[in-house]
Amino acid sequence: MEPHKLPAVRAVLFDTDGVLLDTAVSHAAAWKKAFDACLASPLPGPPQPAFDAEGEYRALVDGKSRFDGARAFLRARGVDLPAGTPGDPPGCATVWAVAAAKDRALVTALRDAEVPVFADTVPALRALRRAGLRLAAVSASRHARSLLASAGLVRWFDTVLDGEQAARLALPGKPDPALFLAAAHRLGVVPGDSALVEDAVAGVKAGRRGGFALVVGVDRRAAPGTAAALRHHGAGVVVRDLTDLARRLGACDAVGSGRRGASGGRSEEQDGRGGGAA
């Protein structure tokens, strides 16, 4: 593959939080509030340090459904809670209760706030649409569609598949590729003709396992080790700006030669389509 040339694709599937919307910090803060409340209460085992909203969020929670994220963190800390049921009230008695506490914290934080959209999101989506590519927004979050609607972004997508629909369809969460495969089916394309754009390790694993032609990692914050982790788990290329991605997918005229996104248009490449084994 040429240094700045990416494989030709017919469609692009985007994760939402941390890729299109600058809401990852809000999710991490909500998880911290929920986890720390439980870690401060009597739990099985020795006393626990507070939740790391950077490292542990990225490694254990980011990109997963609420239940899967809560279960992964609790297991990593050696905390054994019963699963409970989706109707459990917010609290610390079950995994579902912890997940509900996170959801309550997130809804409270976002209730009166303007939905933050990355500066490069609309220019990139506009360019890709003008280039004739089909677009999907995909998220494990049940709030994704409403947040995209509030941000005025739904109109750019041929389909939006979020956590609410995933639950109704009984689709397993990332790193299982089922969510993305369902979105590709809705677009009328196969993974081998499509690109998947993700900021989470669980998401790039799903893209690799799903056989997508191109798995793109997004490293907006350029945190140490993030780009390497995305590559290792399946990203064939890592970018910091969606307009850079649009140009390299052949939508350069629509983006404009001088357009730079919020992160300066820098990118980091890896030869080939994938990184290490998922």
Foldseek 3Di string as FASTA:
>chain_A
DPPLAADAFQAEEEEFDPTWFVCLLLLLVLLQVLQQVQLVDDFPDDRDDGDDSPVLCQPQAPQWALLRSLVRVCVVVVTDAAQDDCPDDADHRHSNNSSNSSVVSSCVVPVPDQTGGWQQNVLLLQLCVVVNHAYEYFGLAPCRVVSCVSVVNPVSHPYYYYNVNCVVVVPHGFPALRRVQVVCVSVVHAQCRYEYEEQGLRPQLNSQVRNHVAYEHEDQPCPPPSVVSSQQNWHQWYWNHSLSVSVSNPSDVSSDPPDATPRGGDIDGDPDRGHHYD
